[in-house]
Amino acid sequence: MMRTRLSADARASVMRAADAEARRRGRRRIGTEDLLLGLLTEPGGVASTVLGRDIEAARSASARLDTRALEAVGIRAELSGPAPSRRMRGRLAFTAGARSAFVRAVRLAQQDHTGRVTAAHLTAGVLSARAPDDAIALVEAMGVDVATALERATASSLGTQ
């Protein structure tokens, strides 16, 4: 079995950005939504290209989702900025959904025999989740067709675009 690793660009930029997004939102773990937001921090990157949206559009949609969720349980809130900062040291752990996205990304990387999981593989891995996954809810809240975005991301990850 081929050993598959996260490429340097994905590890350095995407993972750092996903961690920062989770912390910015007051999360204790990195979820699929944080991975997607991390992928979108790269202007003109794969995620931005396949979704046709940038990080600001995604953060705005995420804030709307959070507001709706709070209102659903009777809490009226105006979410206009990042969550209050909590000092969390070290790396944040991944949710089960985020770990599953990595597994799907690794499988795609193995199909193209590169041995490296790129941002394109990870984008496809995140987008291949099923509702009610947080990243899928975010993509839908941005008005993007998930199936079309997944098709584009998969084609990009396998170099068949």
C-alpha atoms as a PDB file:
ATOM      1  CA  MET A   1       0.000   0.000   0.000  1.00  0.00           C
ATOM      2  CA  MET A   2       1.308   3.404  -0.972  1.00  0.00           C
ATOM      3  CA  ARG A   3       1.946   5.811   1.868  1.00  0.00           C
ATOM      4  CA  THR A   4      -0.020   9.017   1.331  1.00  0.00           C
ATOM      5  CA  ARG A   5       0.851  12.283   3.041  1.00  0.00           C
ATOM      6  CA  LEU A   6      -0.497  15.791   3.123  1.00  0.00           C
ATOM      7  CA  SER A   7       1.525  17.914   0.695  1.00  0.00           C
ATOM      8  CA  ALA A   8       3.562  20.768   2.113  1.00  0.00           C
ATOM      9  CA  ASP A   9       1.222  23.441   0.707  1.00  0.00           C
ATOM     10  CA  ALA A  10      -1.863  21.780   2.164  1.00  0.00           C
ATOM     11  CA  ARG A  11      -0.191  21.136   5.500  1.00  0.00           C
ATOM     12  CA  ALA A  12       1.315  24.575   5.924  1.00  0.00           C
ATOM     13  CA  SER A  13      -1.410  26.832   4.626  1.00  0.00           C
ATOM     14  CA  VAL A  14      -4.701  24.963   4.758  1.00  0.00           C
ATOM     15  CA  MET A  15      -4.245  23.306   8.132  1.00  0.00           C
ATOM     16  CA  ARG A  16      -2.973  26.495   9.747  1.00  0.00           C
ATOM     17  CA  ALA A  17      -5.909  28.423   8.261  1.00  0.00           C
ATOM     18  CA  ALA A  18      -8.449  25.777   9.365  1.00  0.00           C
ATOM     19  CA  ASP A  19      -7.034  25.885  12.888  1.00  0.00           C
ATOM     20  CA  ALA A  20      -7.244  29.698  12.873  1.00  0.00           C
ATOM     21  CA  GLU A  21     -10.845  29.605  11.618  1.00  0.00           C
ATOM     22  CA  ALA A  22     -11.864  27.170  14.349  1.00  0.00           C
ATOM     23  CA  ARG A  23     -10.197  29.309  17.011  1.00  0.00           C
ATOM     24  CA  ARG A  24     -11.689  32.509  15.540  1.00  0.00           C
ATOM     25  CA  ARG A  25     -15.122  30.977  15.965  1.00  0.00           C
ATOM     26  CA  GLY A  26     -14.436  29.726  19.499  1.00  0.00           C
ATOM     27  CA  ARG A  27     -14.330  26.059  18.524  1.00  0.00           C
ATOM     28  CA  ARG A  28     -12.417  23.442  20.446  1.00  0.00           C
ATOM     29  CA  ARG A  29     -12.015  21.126  17.449  1.00  0.00           C
ATOM     30  CA  ILE A  30     -11.541  21.550  13.713  1.00  0.00           C
ATOM     31  CA  GLY A  31     -14.601  20.454  11.758  1.00  0.00           C
ATOM     32  CA  THR A  32     -15.383  20.173   8.070  1.00  0.00           C
ATOM     33  CA  GLU A  33     -16.677  23.751   7.990  1.00  0.00           C
ATOM     34  CA  ASP A  34     -13.338  24.959   9.377  1.00  0.00           C
ATOM     35  CA  LEU A  35     -11.471  22.884   6.781  1.00  0.00           C
ATOM     36  CA  LEU A  36     -13.571  24.439   4.022  1.00  0.00           C
ATOM     37  CA  LEU A  37     -13.013  27.936   5.396  1.00  0.00           C
ATOM     38  CA  GLY A  38      -9.285  27.170   5.602  1.00  0.00           C
ATOM     39  CA  LEU A  39      -9.286  26.047   1.977  1.00  0.00           C
ATOM     40  CA  LEU A  40     -11.082  29.243   0.977  1.00  0.00           C
ATOM     41  CA  THR A  41      -8.420  31.481   2.524  1.00  0.00           C
ATOM     42  CA  GLU A  42      -6.264  30.861  -0.545  1.00  0.00           C
ATOM     43  CA  PRO A  43      -7.441  33.448  -3.113  1.00  0.00           C
ATOM     44  CA  GLY A  44      -7.845  31.763  -6.482  1.00  0.00           C
ATOM     45  CA  GLY A  45      -7.303  28.342  -4.906  1.00  0.00           C
ATOM     46  CA  VAL A  46      -9.157  25.171  -5.800  1.00  0.00           C
ATOM     47  CA  ALA A  47     -11.954  25.677  -3.260  1.00  0.00           C
ATOM     48  CA  SER A  48     -12.586  29.272  -4.367  1.00  0.00           C
ATOM     49  CA  THR A  49     -12.570  28.192  -7.997  1.00  0.00           C
ATOM     50  CA  VAL A  50     -14.940  25.220  -7.689  1.00  0.00           C
ATOM     51  CA  LEU A  51     -17.332  27.070  -5.385  1.00  0.00           C
ATOM     52  CA  GLY A  52     -17.152  30.424  -7.134  1.00  0.00           C
ATOM     53  CA  ARG A  53     -17.011  32.087  -3.703  1.00  0.00           C
ATOM     54  CA  ASP A  54     -14.332  33.661  -1.536  1.00  0.00           C
ATOM     55  CA  ILE A  55     -13.569  33.484   2.173  1.00  0.00           C
ATOM     56  CA  GLU A  56     -15.648  36.567   3.028  1.00  0.00           C
ATOM     57  CA  ALA A  57     -18.767  35.136   1.341  1.00  0.00           C
ATOM     58  CA  ALA A  58     -18.232  31.891   3.268  1.00  0.00           C
ATOM     59  CA  ARG A  59     -17.735  33.659   6.614  1.00  0.00           C
ATOM     60  CA  SER A  60     -20.892  35.687   6.016  1.00  0.00           C
ATOM     61  CA  ALA A  61     -22.896  32.544   5.186  1.00  0.00           C
ATOM     62  CA  SER A  62     -21.440  30.819   8.245  1.00  0.00           C
ATOM     63  CA  ALA A  63     -22.505  33.700  10.500  1.00  0.00           C
ATOM     64  CA  ARG A  64     -26.036  33.500   9.054  1.00  0.00           C
ATOM     65  CA  LEU A  65     -26.147  29.757   9.783  1.00  0.00           C
ATOM     66  CA  ASP A  66     -24.939  30.320  13.351  1.00  0.00           C
ATOM     67  CA  THR A  67     -27.549  33.049  13.903  1.00  0.00           C
ATOM     68  CA  ARG A  68     -30.338  30.805  12.584  1.00  0.00           C
ATOM     69  CA  ALA A  69     -29.191  27.928  14.810  1.00  0.00           C
ATOM     70  CA  LEU A  70     -29.271  30.140  17.895  1.00  0.00           C
ATOM     71  CA  GLU A  71     -32.673  31.562  16.974  1.00  0.00           C
ATOM     72  CA  ALA A  72     -34.004  28.014  16.545  1.00  0.00           C
ATOM     73  CA  VAL A  73     -33.430  27.432  20.261  1.00  0.00           C
ATOM     74  CA  GLY A  74     -34.797  30.821  21.291  1.00  0.00           C
ATOM     75  CA  ILE A  75     -31.568  32.794  21.526  1.00  0.00           C
ATOM     76  CA  ARG A  76     -31.556  36.116  19.731  1.00  0.00           C
ATOM     77  CA  ALA A  77     -28.004  37.064  18.862  1.00  0.00           C
ATOM     78  CA  GLU A  78     -26.203  39.432  16.568  1.00  0.00           C
ATOM     79  CA  LEU A  79     -23.020  37.708  15.414  1.00  0.00           C
ATOM     80  CA  SER A  80     -20.891  40.409  13.877  1.00  0.00           C
ATOM     81  CA  GLY A  81     -17.373  39.367  14.704  1.00  0.00           C
ATOM     82  CA  PRO A  82     -15.191  36.574  15.919  1.00  0.00           C
ATOM     83  CA  ALA A  83     -16.007  34.738  19.115  1.00  0.00           C
ATOM     84  CA  PRO A  84     -14.368  35.978  22.296  1.00  0.00           C
ATOM     85  CA  SER A  85     -10.834  34.684  22.417  1.00  0.00           C
ATOM     86  CA  ARG A  86     -10.121  31.688  24.610  1.00  0.00           C
ATOM     87  CA  ARG A  87      -6.537  30.788  25.149  1.00  0.00           C
ATOM     88  CA  MET A  88      -6.175  27.323  23.654  1.00  0.00           C
ATOM     89  CA  ARG A  89      -2.706  25.969  23.314  1.00  0.00           C
ATOM     90  CA  GLY A  90      -1.399  23.355  20.977  1.00  0.00           C
ATOM     91  CA  ARG A  91      -3.115  21.843  18.015  1.00  0.00           C
ATOM     92  CA  LEU A  92      -6.850  21.461  17.938  1.00  0.00           C
ATOM     93  CA  ALA A  93      -8.182  17.950  17.386  1.00  0.00           C
ATOM     94  CA  PHE A  94     -10.341  17.061  14.390  1.00  0.00           C
ATOM     95  CA  THR A  95     -14.011  16.130  14.538  1.00  0.00           C
ATOM     96  CA  ALA A  96     -15.075  12.749  13.197  1.00  0.00           C
ATOM     97  CA  GLY A  97     -16.420  14.500  10.099  1.00  0.00           C
ATOM     98  CA  ALA A  98     -13.076  16.207   9.434  1.00  0.00           C
ATOM     99  CA  ARG A  99     -11.219  12.905   9.865  1.00  0.00           C
ATOM    100  CA  SER A 100     -13.620  11.297   7.380  1.00  0.00           C
ATOM    101  CA  ALA A 101     -12.928  14.108   4.898  1.00  0.00           C
ATOM    102  CA  PHE A 102      -9.208  13.308   5.179  1.00  0.00           C
ATOM    103  CA  VAL A 103      -9.881   9.614   4.545  1.00  0.00           C
ATOM    104  CA  ARG A 104     -11.816  10.501   1.382  1.00  0.00           C
ATOM    105  CA  ALA A 105      -9.026  12.883   0.309  1.00  0.00           C
ATOM    106  CA  VAL A 106      -6.402  10.160   0.800  1.00  0.00           C
ATOM    107  CA  ARG A 107      -8.434   7.755  -1.349  1.00  0.00           C
ATOM    108  CA  LEU A 108      -8.518  10.329  -4.164  1.00  0.00           C
ATOM    109  CA  ALA A 109      -4.774  10.915  -3.847  1.00  0.00           C
ATOM    110  CA  GLN A 110      -4.187   7.174  -4.105  1.00  0.00           C
ATOM    111  CA  GLN A 111      -6.221   7.088  -7.327  1.00  0.00           C
ATOM    112  CA  ASP A 112      -3.882   9.568  -8.990  1.00  0.00           C
ATOM    113  CA  HIS A 113      -0.762   7.814  -7.601  1.00  0.00           C
ATOM    114  CA  THR A 114       0.897  11.023  -6.382  1.00  0.00           C
ATOM    115  CA  GLY A 115       1.384   9.949  -2.779  1.00  0.00           C
ATOM    116  CA  ARG A 116       0.415  13.461  -1.703  1.00  0.00           C
ATOM    117  CA  VAL A 117      -2.917  14.843  -0.565  1.00  0.00           C
ATOM    118  CA  THR A 118      -3.253  18.272  -2.142  1.00  0.00           C
ATOM    119  CA  ALA A 119      -5.700  21.094  -1.461  1.00  0.00           C
ATOM    120  CA  ALA A 120      -7.699  19.775  -4.453  1.00  0.00           C
ATOM    121  CA  HIS A 121      -7.994  16.310  -2.868  1.00  0.00           C
ATOM    122  CA  LEU A 122      -8.986  17.836   0.458  1.00  0.00           C
ATOM    123  CA  THR A 123     -11.583  20.098  -1.184  1.00  0.00           C
ATOM    124  CA  ALA A 124     -13.149  17.064  -2.861  1.00  0.00           C
ATOM    125  CA  GLY A 125     -12.945  15.122   0.410  1.00  0.00           C
ATOM    126  CA  VAL A 126     -14.805  17.855   2.285  1.00  0.00           C
ATOM    127  CA  LEU A 127     -17.416  18.313  -0.452  1.00  0.00           C
ATOM    128  CA  SER A 128     -18.125  14.576  -0.622  1.00  0.00           C
ATOM    129  CA  ALA A 129     -19.625  14.607   2.877  1.00  0.00           C
ATOM    130  CA  ARG A 130     -23.355  14.088   3.257  1.00  0.00           C
ATOM    131  CA  ALA A 131     -25.892  16.456   4.793  1.00  0.00           C
ATOM    132  CA  PRO A 132     -26.287  17.409   7.605  1.00  0.00           C
ATOM    133  CA  ASP A 133     -22.510  17.941   7.573  1.00  0.00           C
ATOM    134  CA  ASP A 134     -21.527  21.510   8.509  1.00  0.00           C
ATOM    135  CA  ALA A 135     -19.433  22.099   5.372  1.00  0.00           C
ATOM    136  CA  ILE A 136     -22.293  20.926   3.157  1.00  0.00           C
ATOM    137  CA  ALA A 137     -24.702  23.232   4.994  1.00  0.00           C
ATOM    138  CA  LEU A 138     -22.242  26.087   4.450  1.00  0.00           C
ATOM    139  CA  VAL A 139     -21.909  25.391   0.717  1.00  0.00           C
ATOM    140  CA  GLU A 140     -25.695  25.289   0.388  1.00  0.00           C
ATOM    141  CA  ALA A 141     -26.023  28.526   2.416  1.00  0.00           C
ATOM    142  CA  MET A 142     -23.692  30.180  -0.109  1.00  0.00           C
ATOM    143  CA  GLY A 143     -26.111  29.176  -2.857  1.00  0.00           C
ATOM    144  CA  VAL A 144     -23.747  26.683  -4.467  1.00  0.00           C
ATOM    145  CA  ASP A 145     -24.877  23.338  -5.872  1.00  0.00           C
ATOM    146  CA  VAL A 146     -22.929  20.754  -3.877  1.00  0.00           C
ATOM    147  CA  ALA A 147     -22.994  18.060  -6.589  1.00  0.00           C
ATOM    148  CA  THR A 148     -21.597  20.422  -9.230  1.00  0.00           C
ATOM    149  CA  ALA A 149     -18.906  21.712  -6.882  1.00  0.00           C
ATOM    150  CA  LEU A 150     -17.940  18.146  -5.929  1.00  0.00           C
ATOM    151  CA  GLU A 151     -17.711  17.147  -9.586  1.00  0.00           C
ATOM    152  CA  ARG A 152     -15.395  20.097 -10.288  1.00  0.00           C
ATOM    153  CA  ALA A 153     -13.272  19.428  -7.218  1.00  0.00           C
ATOM    154  CA  THR A 154     -12.915  15.745  -8.053  1.00  0.00           C
ATOM    155  CA  ALA A 155     -11.926  16.538 -11.638  1.00  0.00           C
ATOM    156  CA  SER A 156      -9.362  19.027 -10.343  1.00  0.00           C
ATOM    157  CA  SER A 157      -7.959  16.557  -7.811  1.00  0.00           C
ATOM    158  CA  LEU A 158      -7.532  13.878 -10.457  1.00  0.00           C
ATOM    159  CA  GLY A 159      -6.131  16.295 -13.031  1.00  0.00           C
ATOM    160  CA  THR A 160      -8.998  15.710 -15.472  1.00  0.00           C
ATOM    161  CA  GLN A 161     -10.275  19.246 -15.617  1.00  0.00           C
END
